[in-house]
């Protein structure tokens, strides 16, 4: 995972945020609080401007915990960094990260 246009973080965090796109409404409230710009809007397939979701770049997230606090739909969880790469694909159905295989597993 990871957006190559953004610089890497200094060190790996203990926990990172993972969004459950099944409950995400695309309100983008989380975008306003992320201090490292690790949350990306994911455009809708048929109507890019109408149906959006968000995805969290695990290579950028620093585990600050601000996004789950502001999410009005409680769709963002803080997950152990070592488990995040296994958990994220089960909750991500559409991705903007090059090479990321969204929807690799069924939703949790």
PDB file of N, CA and C in Angstrom:
ATOM      1  N   UNK A   1       0.844  -1.161   0.000  1.00  0.00           N
ATOM      2  CA  UNK A   1       0.000   0.000   0.000  1.00  0.00           C
ATOM      3  C   UNK A   1       0.890   1.224   0.000  1.00  0.00           C
ATOM      4  N   UNK A   2       0.344   2.358  -0.089  1.00  0.00           N
ATOM      5  CA  UNK A   2       1.128   3.578   0.013  1.00  0.00           C
ATOM      6  C   UNK A   2       1.029   4.440  -1.219  1.00  0.00           C
ATOM      7  N   UNK A   3       0.982   5.715  -1.005  1.00  0.00           N
ATOM      8  CA  UNK A   3       0.927   6.682  -2.081  1.00  0.00           C
ATOM      9  C   UNK A   3       2.341   7.187  -2.324  1.00  0.00           C
ATOM     10  N   UNK A   4       2.938   6.869  -3.484  1.00  0.00           N
ATOM     11  CA  UNK A   4       4.331   7.234  -3.730  1.00  0.00           C
ATOM     12  C   UNK A   4       4.576   8.740  -3.844  1.00  0.00           C
ATOM     13  N   UNK A   5       3.520   9.543  -3.968  1.00  0.00           N
ATOM     14  CA  UNK A   5       3.715  10.986  -4.093  1.00  0.00           C
ATOM     15  C   UNK A   5       3.895  11.672  -2.741  1.00  0.00           C
ATOM     16  N   UNK A   6       3.745  10.925  -1.642  1.00  0.00           N
ATOM     17  CA  UNK A   6       3.911  11.499  -0.306  1.00  0.00           C
ATOM     18  C   UNK A   6       5.140  10.908   0.359  1.00  0.00           C
ATOM     19  N   UNK A   7       5.870  11.709   1.137  1.00  0.00           N
ATOM     20  CA  UNK A   7       7.076  11.191   1.796  1.00  0.00           C
ATOM     21  C   UNK A   7       6.733  10.175   2.874  1.00  0.00           C
ATOM     22  N   UNK A   8       7.632   9.221   3.150  1.00  0.00           N
ATOM     23  CA  UNK A   8       7.382   8.211   4.184  1.00  0.00           C
ATOM     24  C   UNK A   8       7.452   8.833   5.581  1.00  0.00           C
ATOM     25  N   UNK A   9       6.812   8.187   6.547  1.00  0.00           N
ATOM     26  CA  UNK A   9       6.881   8.672   7.929  1.00  0.00           C
ATOM     27  C   UNK A   9       8.215   8.238   8.543  1.00  0.00           C
ATOM     28  N   UNK A  10       8.555   8.830   9.663  1.00  0.00           N
ATOM     29  CA  UNK A  10       9.847   8.583  10.292  1.00  0.00           C
ATOM     30  C   UNK A  10       9.975   7.172  10.865  1.00  0.00           C
ATOM     31  N   UNK A  11       8.902   6.646  11.502  1.00  0.00           N
ATOM     32  CA  UNK A  11       8.953   5.301  12.089  1.00  0.00           C
ATOM     33  C   UNK A  11       7.546   4.709  12.098  1.00  0.00           C
ATOM     34  N   UNK A  12       7.467   3.404  12.254  1.00  0.00           N
ATOM     35  CA  UNK A  12       6.177   2.721  12.283  1.00  0.00           C
ATOM     36  C   UNK A  12       5.471   2.986  13.607  1.00  0.00           C
ATOM     37  N   UNK A  13       4.165   3.254  13.558  1.00  0.00           N
ATOM     38  CA  UNK A  13       3.409   3.474  14.788  1.00  0.00           C
ATOM     39  C   UNK A  13       3.007   2.143  15.424  1.00  0.00           C
ATOM     40  N   UNK A  14       2.530   2.196  16.647  1.00  0.00           N
ATOM     41  CA  UNK A  14       2.044   1.003  17.344  1.00  0.00           C
ATOM     42  C   UNK A  14       0.684   0.580  16.793  1.00  0.00           C
ATOM     43  N   UNK A  15      -0.171   1.570  16.497  1.00  0.00           N
ATOM     44  CA  UNK A  15      -1.498   1.312  15.933  1.00  0.00           C
ATOM     45  C   UNK A  15      -1.724   2.239  14.747  1.00  0.00           C
ATOM     46  N   UNK A  16      -2.618   1.846  13.854  1.00  0.00           N
ATOM     47  CA  UNK A  16      -3.002   2.683  12.714  1.00  0.00           C
ATOM     48  C   UNK A  16      -4.518   2.631  12.554  1.00  0.00           C
ATOM     49  N   UNK A  17      -5.049   3.587  11.806  1.00  0.00           N
ATOM     50  CA  UNK A  17      -6.484   3.649  11.560  1.00  0.00           C
ATOM     51  C   UNK A  17      -6.845   2.829  10.330  1.00  0.00           C
ATOM     52  N   UNK A  18      -7.981   2.151  10.417  1.00  0.00           N
ATOM     53  CA  UNK A  18      -8.516   1.393   9.290  1.00  0.00           C
ATOM     54  C   UNK A  18      -9.997   1.758   9.177  1.00  0.00           C
ATOM     55  N   UNK A  19     -10.425   2.155   7.977  1.00  0.00           N
ATOM     56  CA  UNK A  19     -11.822   2.528   7.773  1.00  0.00           C
ATOM     57  C   UNK A  19     -12.606   1.346   7.204  1.00  0.00           C
ATOM     58  N   UNK A  20     -13.802   1.159   7.734  1.00  0.00           N
ATOM     59  CA  UNK A  20     -14.702   0.141   7.207  1.00  0.00           C
ATOM     60  C   UNK A  20     -15.555   0.833   6.150  1.00  0.00           C
ATOM     61  N   UNK A  21     -15.235   0.613   4.884  1.00  0.00           N
ATOM     62  CA  UNK A  21     -15.950   1.304   3.815  1.00  0.00           C
ATOM     63  C   UNK A  21     -17.410   0.895   3.716  1.00  0.00           C
ATOM     64  N   UNK A  22     -17.784  -0.212   4.324  1.00  0.00           N
ATOM     65  CA  UNK A  22     -19.178  -0.632   4.286  1.00  0.00           C
ATOM     66  C   UNK A  22     -20.072   0.370   5.032  1.00  0.00           C
ATOM     67  N   UNK A  23     -19.534   1.043   6.028  1.00  0.00           N
ATOM     68  CA  UNK A  23     -20.309   2.018   6.787  1.00  0.00           C
ATOM     69  C   UNK A  23     -19.971   3.461   6.466  1.00  0.00           C
ATOM     70  N   UNK A  24     -18.926   3.679   5.675  1.00  0.00           N
ATOM     71  CA  UNK A  24     -18.482   5.031   5.332  1.00  0.00           C
ATOM     72  C   UNK A  24     -19.495   5.712   4.416  1.00  0.00           C
ATOM     73  N   UNK A  25     -19.806   6.977   4.710  1.00  0.00           N
ATOM     74  CA  UNK A  25     -20.733   7.737   3.874  1.00  0.00           C
ATOM     75  C   UNK A  25     -20.014   8.738   2.982  1.00  0.00           C
ATOM     76  N   UNK A  26     -18.703   8.862   3.143  1.00  0.00           N
ATOM     77  CA  UNK A  26     -17.950   9.816   2.342  1.00  0.00           C
ATOM     78  C   UNK A  26     -18.101  11.247   2.810  1.00  0.00           C
ATOM     79  N   UNK A  27     -18.467  11.446   4.062  1.00  0.00           N
ATOM     80  CA  UNK A  27     -18.662  12.808   4.579  1.00  0.00           C
ATOM     81  C   UNK A  27     -17.349  13.583   4.659  1.00  0.00           C
ATOM     82  N   UNK A  28     -16.240  12.877   4.703  1.00  0.00           N
ATOM     83  CA  UNK A  28     -14.888  13.438   4.726  1.00  0.00           C
ATOM     84  C   UNK A  28     -14.556  14.238   5.984  1.00  0.00           C
ATOM     85  N   UNK A  29     -15.295  14.028   7.071  1.00  0.00           N
ATOM     86  CA  UNK A  29     -14.981  14.706   8.336  1.00  0.00           C
ATOM     87  C   UNK A  29     -13.582  14.336   8.800  1.00  0.00           C
ATOM     88  N   UNK A  30     -13.187  13.086   8.571  1.00  0.00           N
ATOM     89  CA  UNK A  30     -11.876  12.615   9.002  1.00  0.00           C
ATOM     90  C   UNK A  30     -10.731  13.325   8.282  1.00  0.00           C
ATOM     91  N   UNK A  31     -10.972  13.760   7.056  1.00  0.00           N
ATOM     92  CA  UNK A  31      -9.924  14.453   6.304  1.00  0.00           C
ATOM     93  C   UNK A  31      -9.483  15.733   7.003  1.00  0.00           C
ATOM     94  N   UNK A  32     -10.400  16.368   7.711  1.00  0.00           N
ATOM     95  CA  UNK A  32     -10.101  17.656   8.338  1.00  0.00           C
ATOM     96  C   UNK A  32      -9.199  17.547   9.554  1.00  0.00           C
ATOM     97  N   UNK A  33      -9.114  16.350  10.163  1.00  0.00           N
ATOM     98  CA  UNK A  33      -8.324  16.214  11.389  1.00  0.00           C
ATOM     99  C   UNK A  33      -7.010  15.465  11.206  1.00  0.00           C
ATOM    100  N   UNK A  34      -6.803  14.841  10.073  1.00  0.00           N
ATOM    101  CA  UNK A  34      -5.586  14.048   9.883  1.00  0.00           C
ATOM    102  C   UNK A  34      -4.360  14.956   9.762  1.00  0.00           C
ATOM    103  N   UNK A  35      -3.417  14.855  10.715  1.00  0.00           N
ATOM    104  CA  UNK A  35      -2.259  15.745  10.699  1.00  0.00           C
ATOM    105  C   UNK A  35      -1.210  15.409   9.639  1.00  0.00           C
ATOM    106  N   UNK A  36      -1.295  14.207   9.041  1.00  0.00           N
ATOM    107  CA  UNK A  36      -0.279  13.808   8.061  1.00  0.00           C
ATOM    108  C   UNK A  36      -0.866  13.511   6.680  1.00  0.00           C
ATOM    109  N   UNK A  37      -2.125  13.877   6.477  1.00  0.00           N
ATOM    110  CA  UNK A  37      -2.764  13.712   5.173  1.00  0.00           C
ATOM    111  C   UNK A  37      -2.727  12.255   4.704  1.00  0.00           C
ATOM    112  N   UNK A  38      -3.073  11.336   5.611  1.00  0.00           N
ATOM    113  CA  UNK A  38      -3.024   9.916   5.256  1.00  0.00           C
ATOM    114  C   UNK A  38      -4.371   9.368   4.800  1.00  0.00           C
ATOM    115  N   UNK A  39      -5.406  10.204   4.802  1.00  0.00           N
ATOM    116  CA  UNK A  39      -6.737   9.760   4.400  1.00  0.00           C
ATOM    117  C   UNK A  39      -7.034  10.283   2.997  1.00  0.00           C
ATOM    118  N   UNK A  40      -7.416   9.344   2.133  1.00  0.00           N
ATOM    119  CA  UNK A  40      -7.665   9.680   0.728  1.00  0.00           C
ATOM    120  C   UNK A  40      -9.131   9.464   0.377  1.00  0.00           C
ATOM    121  N   UNK A  41      -9.760  10.419  -0.320  1.00  0.00           N
ATOM    122  CA  UNK A  41     -11.113  10.156  -0.820  1.00  0.00           C
ATOM    123  C   UNK A  41     -11.039   9.175  -1.985  1.00  0.00           C
ATOM    124  N   UNK A  42     -11.973   8.248  -2.020  1.00  0.00           N
ATOM    125  CA  UNK A  42     -12.044   7.249  -3.079  1.00  0.00           C
ATOM    126  C   UNK A  42     -13.287   7.568  -3.903  1.00  0.00           C
ATOM    127  N   UNK A  43     -13.112   7.962  -5.161  1.00  0.00           N
ATOM    128  CA  UNK A  43     -14.276   8.321  -5.975  1.00  0.00           C
ATOM    129  C   UNK A  43     -15.149   7.118  -6.292  1.00  0.00           C
ATOM    130  N   UNK A  44     -16.428   7.385  -6.459  1.00  0.00           N
ATOM    131  CA  UNK A  44     -17.367   6.332  -6.827  1.00  0.00           C
ATOM    132  C   UNK A  44     -17.115   5.854  -8.244  1.00  0.00           C
ATOM    133  N   UNK A  45     -17.493   4.638  -8.508  1.00  0.00           N
ATOM    134  CA  UNK A  45     -17.236   4.043  -9.816  1.00  0.00           C
ATOM    135  C   UNK A  45     -18.057   4.705 -10.918  1.00  0.00           C
ATOM    136  N   UNK A  46     -19.358   4.753 -10.759  1.00  0.00           N
ATOM    137  CA  UNK A  46     -20.216   5.286 -11.812  1.00  0.00           C
ATOM    138  C   UNK A  46     -20.321   6.809 -11.774  1.00  0.00           C
ATOM    139  N   UNK A  47     -20.361   7.378 -10.585  1.00  0.00           N
ATOM    140  CA  UNK A  47     -20.519   8.825 -10.422  1.00  0.00           C
ATOM    141  C   UNK A  47     -19.470   9.337  -9.442  1.00  0.00           C
ATOM    142  N   UNK A  48     -18.270   9.654  -9.932  1.00  0.00           N
ATOM    143  CA  UNK A  48     -17.152  10.021  -9.048  1.00  0.00           C
ATOM    144  C   UNK A  48     -17.447  11.150  -8.073  1.00  0.00           C
ATOM    145  N   UNK A  49     -18.284  12.094  -8.431  1.00  0.00           N
ATOM    146  CA  UNK A  49     -18.556  13.218  -7.545  1.00  0.00           C
ATOM    147  C   UNK A  49     -19.653  12.959  -6.538  1.00  0.00           C
ATOM    148  N   UNK A  50     -20.426  11.902  -6.731  1.00  0.00           N
ATOM    149  CA  UNK A  50     -21.572  11.666  -5.860  1.00  0.00           C
ATOM    150  C   UNK A  50     -21.329  10.643  -4.761  1.00  0.00           C
ATOM    151  N   UNK A  51     -20.777   9.511  -5.097  1.00  0.00           N
ATOM    152  CA  UNK A  51     -20.621   8.453  -4.101  1.00  0.00           C
ATOM    153  C   UNK A  51     -19.146   8.267  -3.793  1.00  0.00           C
ATOM    154  N   UNK A  52     -18.714   8.830  -2.678  1.00  0.00           N
ATOM    155  CA  UNK A  52     -17.309   8.734  -2.289  1.00  0.00           C
ATOM    156  C   UNK A  52     -17.177   7.945  -0.996  1.00  0.00           C
ATOM    157  N   UNK A  53     -16.019   7.366  -0.838  1.00  0.00           N
ATOM    158  CA  UNK A  53     -15.624   6.713   0.403  1.00  0.00           C
ATOM    159  C   UNK A  53     -14.270   7.289   0.767  1.00  0.00           C
ATOM    160  N   UNK A  54     -13.700   6.867   1.874  1.00  0.00           N
ATOM    161  CA  UNK A  54     -12.328   7.244   2.202  1.00  0.00           C
ATOM    162  C   UNK A  54     -11.522   5.990   2.467  1.00  0.00           C
ATOM    163  N   UNK A  55     -10.223   6.114   2.304  1.00  0.00           N
ATOM    164  CA  UNK A  55      -9.287   5.030   2.556  1.00  0.00           C
ATOM    165  C   UNK A  55      -8.113   5.615   3.327  1.00  0.00           C
ATOM    166  N   UNK A  56      -7.539   4.847   4.223  1.00  0.00           N
ATOM    167  CA  UNK A  56      -6.412   5.322   5.015  1.00  0.00           C
ATOM    168  C   UNK A  56      -5.141   4.657   4.513  1.00  0.00           C
ATOM    169  N   UNK A  57      -4.167   5.486   4.186  1.00  0.00           N
ATOM    170  CA  UNK A  57      -2.873   5.010   3.702  1.00  0.00           C
ATOM    171  C   UNK A  57      -2.070   4.523   4.912  1.00  0.00           C
ATOM    172  N   UNK A  58      -1.928   3.224   5.026  1.00  0.00           N
ATOM    173  CA  UNK A  58      -1.242   2.641   6.181  1.00  0.00           C
ATOM    174  C   UNK A  58       0.234   3.003   6.232  1.00  0.00           C
ATOM    175  N   UNK A  59       0.807   3.395   5.116  1.00  0.00           N
ATOM    176  CA  UNK A  59       2.211   3.801   5.094  1.00  0.00           C
ATOM    177  C   UNK A  59       2.400   5.239   5.580  1.00  0.00           C
ATOM    178  N   UNK A  60       1.312   6.000   5.696  1.00  0.00           N
ATOM    179  CA  UNK A  60       1.390   7.384   6.150  1.00  0.00           C
ATOM    180  C   UNK A  60       0.798   7.591   7.536  1.00  0.00           C
ATOM    181  N   UNK A  61      -0.186   6.788   7.908  1.00  0.00           N
ATOM    182  CA  UNK A  61      -0.878   6.958   9.189  1.00  0.00           C
ATOM    183  C   UNK A  61       0.123   6.875  10.350  1.00  0.00           C
ATOM    184  N   UNK A  62      -0.011   7.796  11.298  1.00  0.00           N
ATOM    185  CA  UNK A  62       0.894   7.808  12.451  1.00  0.00           C
ATOM    186  C   UNK A  62       0.210   7.291  13.725  1.00  0.00           C
ATOM    187  N   UNK A  63      -1.059   6.886  13.611  1.00  0.00           N
ATOM    188  CA  UNK A  63      -1.763   6.317  14.753  1.00  0.00           C
ATOM    189  C   UNK A  63      -2.191   7.323  15.803  1.00  0.00           C
ATOM    190  N   UNK A  64      -2.462   8.553  15.399  1.00  0.00           N
ATOM    191  CA  UNK A  64      -2.824   9.588  16.378  1.00  0.00           C
ATOM    192  C   UNK A  64      -4.198   9.370  17.001  1.00  0.00           C
ATOM    193  N   UNK A  65      -5.099   8.687  16.304  1.00  0.00           N
ATOM    194  CA  UNK A  65      -6.419   8.387  16.850  1.00  0.00           C
ATOM    195  C   UNK A  65      -7.450   9.496  16.718  1.00  0.00           C
ATOM    196  N   UNK A  66      -7.160  10.540  15.958  1.00  0.00           N
ATOM    197  CA  UNK A  66      -8.113  11.631  15.809  1.00  0.00           C
ATOM    198  C   UNK A  66      -9.284  11.285  14.892  1.00  0.00           C
ATOM    199  N   UNK A  67      -9.034  10.548  13.824  1.00  0.00           N
ATOM    200  CA  UNK A  67     -10.104  10.263  12.856  1.00  0.00           C
ATOM    201  C   UNK A  67     -11.245   9.433  13.440  1.00  0.00           C
ATOM    202  N   UNK A  68     -10.991   8.391  14.250  1.00  0.00           N
ATOM    203  CA  UNK A  68     -12.134   7.668  14.805  1.00  0.00           C
ATOM    204  C   UNK A  68     -12.962   8.515  15.769  1.00  0.00           C
ATOM    205  N   UNK A  69     -12.321   9.495  16.391  1.00  0.00           N
ATOM    206  CA  UNK A  69     -13.043  10.354  17.333  1.00  0.00           C
ATOM    207  C   UNK A  69     -14.025  11.272  16.615  1.00  0.00           C
ATOM    208  N   UNK A  70     -13.681  11.690  15.403  1.00  0.00           N
ATOM    209  CA  UNK A  70     -14.536  12.634  14.692  1.00  0.00           C
ATOM    210  C   UNK A  70     -15.520  11.957  13.738  1.00  0.00           C
ATOM    211  N   UNK A  71     -15.300  10.703  13.409  1.00  0.00           N
ATOM    212  CA  UNK A  71     -16.173  10.002  12.463  1.00  0.00           C
ATOM    213  C   UNK A  71     -17.589   9.891  13.028  1.00  0.00           C
ATOM    214  N   UNK A  72     -18.586  10.513  12.372  1.00  0.00           N
ATOM    215  CA  UNK A  72     -19.950  10.459  12.902  1.00  0.00           C
ATOM    216  C   UNK A  72     -20.608   9.089  12.741  1.00  0.00           C
ATOM    217  N   UNK A  73     -20.012   8.202  11.961  1.00  0.00           N
ATOM    218  CA  UNK A  73     -20.608   6.894  11.687  1.00  0.00           C
ATOM    219  C   UNK A  73     -19.860   5.750  12.384  1.00  0.00           C
ATOM    220  N   UNK A  74     -18.836   6.068  13.158  1.00  0.00           N
ATOM    221  CA  UNK A  74     -18.051   5.051  13.882  1.00  0.00           C
ATOM    222  C   UNK A  74     -17.532   3.953  12.960  1.00  0.00           C
ATOM    223  N   UNK A  75     -17.007   4.348  11.804  1.00  0.00           N
ATOM    224  CA  UNK A  75     -16.509   3.359  10.844  1.00  0.00           C
ATOM    225  C   UNK A  75     -14.995   3.281  10.792  1.00  0.00           C
ATOM    226  N   UNK A  76     -14.314   3.995  11.683  1.00  0.00           N
ATOM    227  CA  UNK A  76     -12.850   3.961  11.704  1.00  0.00           C
ATOM    228  C   UNK A  76     -12.390   3.345  13.017  1.00  0.00           C
ATOM    229  N   UNK A  77     -11.558   2.324  12.911  1.00  0.00           N
ATOM    230  CA  UNK A  77     -11.017   1.649  14.083  1.00  0.00           C
ATOM    231  C   UNK A  77      -9.505   1.785  14.115  1.00  0.00           C
ATOM    232  N   UNK A  78      -8.959   1.786  15.318  1.00  0.00           N
ATOM    233  CA  UNK A  78      -7.515   1.755  15.486  1.00  0.00           C
ATOM    234  C   UNK A  78      -7.121   0.288  15.633  1.00  0.00           C
ATOM    235  N   UNK A  79      -6.182  -0.139  14.795  1.00  0.00           N
ATOM    236  CA  UNK A  79      -5.791  -1.542  14.714  1.00  0.00           C
ATOM    237  C   UNK A  79      -4.284  -1.651  14.930  1.00  0.00           C
ATOM    238  N   UNK A  80      -3.847  -2.715  15.570  1.00  0.00           N
ATOM    239  CA  UNK A  80      -2.425  -2.976  15.751  1.00  0.00           C
ATOM    240  C   UNK A  80      -1.725  -2.919  14.389  1.00  0.00           C
ATOM    241  N   UNK A  81      -0.634  -2.189  14.323  1.00  0.00           N
ATOM    242  CA  UNK A  81       0.061  -1.973  13.051  1.00  0.00           C
ATOM    243  C   UNK A  81       0.440  -3.286  12.361  1.00  0.00           C
ATOM    244  N   UNK A  82       0.871  -4.254  13.131  1.00  0.00           N
ATOM    245  CA  UNK A  82       1.301  -5.525  12.540  1.00  0.00           C
ATOM    246  C   UNK A  82       0.125  -6.301  11.938  1.00  0.00           C
ATOM    247  N   UNK A  83      -1.080  -6.064  12.409  1.00  0.00           N
ATOM    248  CA  UNK A  83      -2.262  -6.746  11.891  1.00  0.00           C
ATOM    249  C   UNK A  83      -3.006  -5.933  10.835  1.00  0.00           C
ATOM    250  N   UNK A  84      -2.703  -4.667  10.718  1.00  0.00           N
ATOM    251  CA  UNK A  84      -3.452  -3.762   9.842  1.00  0.00           C
ATOM    252  C   UNK A  84      -3.437  -4.187   8.377  1.00  0.00           C
ATOM    253  N   UNK A  85      -2.342  -4.709   7.895  1.00  0.00           N
ATOM    254  CA  UNK A  85      -2.271  -5.115   6.486  1.00  0.00           C
ATOM    255  C   UNK A  85      -3.178  -6.309   6.182  1.00  0.00           C
ATOM    256  N   UNK A  86      -3.505  -7.080   7.209  1.00  0.00           N
ATOM    257  CA  UNK A  86      -4.446  -8.190   7.030  1.00  0.00           C
ATOM    258  C   UNK A  86      -5.884  -7.706   7.201  1.00  0.00           C
ATOM    259  N   UNK A  87      -6.110  -6.789   8.126  1.00  0.00           N
ATOM    260  CA  UNK A  87      -7.448  -6.298   8.426  1.00  0.00           C
ATOM    261  C   UNK A  87      -7.968  -5.349   7.338  1.00  0.00           C
ATOM    262  N   UNK A  88      -7.144  -4.430   6.888  1.00  0.00           N
ATOM    263  CA  UNK A  88      -7.592  -3.404   5.939  1.00  0.00           C
ATOM    264  C   UNK A  88      -8.241  -3.967   4.675  1.00  0.00           C
ATOM    265  N   UNK A  89      -7.679  -4.968   4.020  1.00  0.00           N
ATOM    266  CA  UNK A  89      -8.330  -5.481   2.806  1.00  0.00           C
ATOM    267  C   UNK A  89      -9.704  -6.106   3.048  1.00  0.00           C
ATOM    268  N   UNK A  90      -9.997  -6.499   4.270  1.00  0.00           N
ATOM    269  CA  UNK A  90     -11.313  -7.069   4.554  1.00  0.00           C
ATOM    270  C   UNK A  90     -12.367  -5.981   4.696  1.00  0.00           C
ATOM    271  N   UNK A  91     -11.935  -4.732   4.805  1.00  0.00           N
ATOM    272  CA  UNK A  91     -12.861  -3.609   4.992  1.00  0.00           C
ATOM    273  C   UNK A  91     -12.810  -2.599   3.849  1.00  0.00           C
ATOM    274  N   UNK A  92     -11.879  -2.777   2.921  1.00  0.00           N
ATOM    275  CA  UNK A  92     -11.707  -1.847   1.820  1.00  0.00           C
ATOM    276  C   UNK A  92     -12.205  -2.486   0.530  1.00  0.00           C
ATOM    277  N   UNK A  93     -13.151  -1.826  -0.124  1.00  0.00           N
ATOM    278  CA  UNK A  93     -13.754  -2.375  -1.332  1.00  0.00           C
ATOM    279  C   UNK A  93     -13.301  -1.632  -2.584  1.00  0.00           C
ATOM    280  N   UNK A  94     -12.992  -0.344  -2.427  1.00  0.00           N
ATOM    281  CA  UNK A  94     -12.460   0.450  -3.531  1.00  0.00           C
ATOM    282  C   UNK A  94     -11.226   1.165  -3.010  1.00  0.00           C
ATOM    283  N   UNK A  95     -10.216   1.253  -3.853  1.00  0.00           N
ATOM    284  CA  UNK A  95      -8.949   1.822  -3.416  1.00  0.00           C
ATOM    285  C   UNK A  95      -8.417   2.807  -4.444  1.00  0.00           C
ATOM    286  N   UNK A  96      -7.663   3.799  -3.966  1.00  0.00           N
ATOM    287  CA  UNK A  96      -6.967   4.719  -4.855  1.00  0.00           C
ATOM    288  C   UNK A  96      -5.469   4.487  -4.819  1.00  0.00           C
ATOM    289  N   UNK A  97      -5.040   3.554  -3.985  1.00  0.00           N
ATOM    290  CA  UNK A  97      -3.612   3.296  -3.832  1.00  0.00           C
ATOM    291  C   UNK A  97      -3.156   2.344  -4.935  1.00  0.00           C
ATOM    292  N   UNK A  98      -2.177   2.773  -5.749  1.00  0.00           N
ATOM    293  CA  UNK A  98      -1.697   1.907  -6.832  1.00  0.00           C
ATOM    294  C   UNK A  98      -1.188   0.568  -6.306  1.00  0.00           C
ATOM    295  N   UNK A  99      -1.626  -0.506  -6.934  1.00  0.00           N
ATOM    296  CA  UNK A  99      -1.157  -1.827  -6.545  1.00  0.00           C
ATOM    297  C   UNK A  99      -1.912  -2.451  -5.391  1.00  0.00           C
ATOM    298  N   UNK A 100      -2.800  -1.688  -4.734  1.00  0.00           N
ATOM    299  CA  UNK A 100      -3.566  -2.227  -3.608  1.00  0.00           C
ATOM    300  C   UNK A 100      -4.725  -3.050  -4.153  1.00  0.00           C
ATOM    301  N   UNK A 101      -4.891  -4.230  -3.671  1.00  0.00           N
ATOM    302  CA  UNK A 101      -5.953  -5.120  -4.133  1.00  0.00           C
ATOM    303  C   UNK A 101      -7.164  -4.963  -3.205  1.00  0.00           C
ATOM    304  N   UNK A 102      -8.034  -4.033  -3.536  1.00  0.00           N
ATOM    305  CA  UNK A 102      -9.218  -3.791  -2.722  1.00  0.00           C
ATOM    306  C   UNK A 102     -10.187  -4.949  -2.834  1.00  0.00           C
ATOM    307  N   UNK A 103     -10.916  -5.203  -1.769  1.00  0.00           N
ATOM    308  CA  UNK A 103     -11.929  -6.240  -1.763  1.00  0.00           C
ATOM    309  C   UNK A 103     -11.368  -7.641  -1.808  1.00  0.00           C
ATOM    310  N   UNK A 104     -10.174  -7.824  -1.292  1.00  0.00           N
ATOM    311  CA  UNK A 104      -9.522  -9.135  -1.334  1.00  0.00           C
ATOM    312  C   UNK A 104     -10.232 -10.169  -0.473  1.00  0.00           C
ATOM    313  N   UNK A 105     -10.951  -9.703   0.509  1.00  0.00           N
ATOM    314  CA  UNK A 105     -11.652 -10.636   1.393  1.00  0.00           C
ATOM    315  C   UNK A 105     -13.059 -10.097   1.665  1.00  0.00           C
ATOM    316  N   UNK A 106     -13.889 -10.905   2.251  1.00  0.00           N
ATOM    317  CA  UNK A 106     -15.249 -10.475   2.536  1.00  0.00           C
ATOM    318  C   UNK A 106     -15.259  -9.509   3.701  1.00  0.00           C
ATOM    319  N   UNK A 107     -16.272  -8.600   3.784  1.00  0.00           N
ATOM    320  CA  UNK A 107     -16.325  -7.617   4.851  1.00  0.00           C
ATOM    321  C   UNK A 107     -16.485  -8.259   6.225  1.00  0.00           C
ATOM    322  N   UNK A 108     -15.951  -7.586   7.229  1.00  0.00           N
ATOM    323  CA  UNK A 108     -16.041  -8.083   8.601  1.00  0.00           C
ATOM    324  C   UNK A 108     -17.193  -7.390   9.292  1.00  0.00           C
TER     325      UNK A 108
END
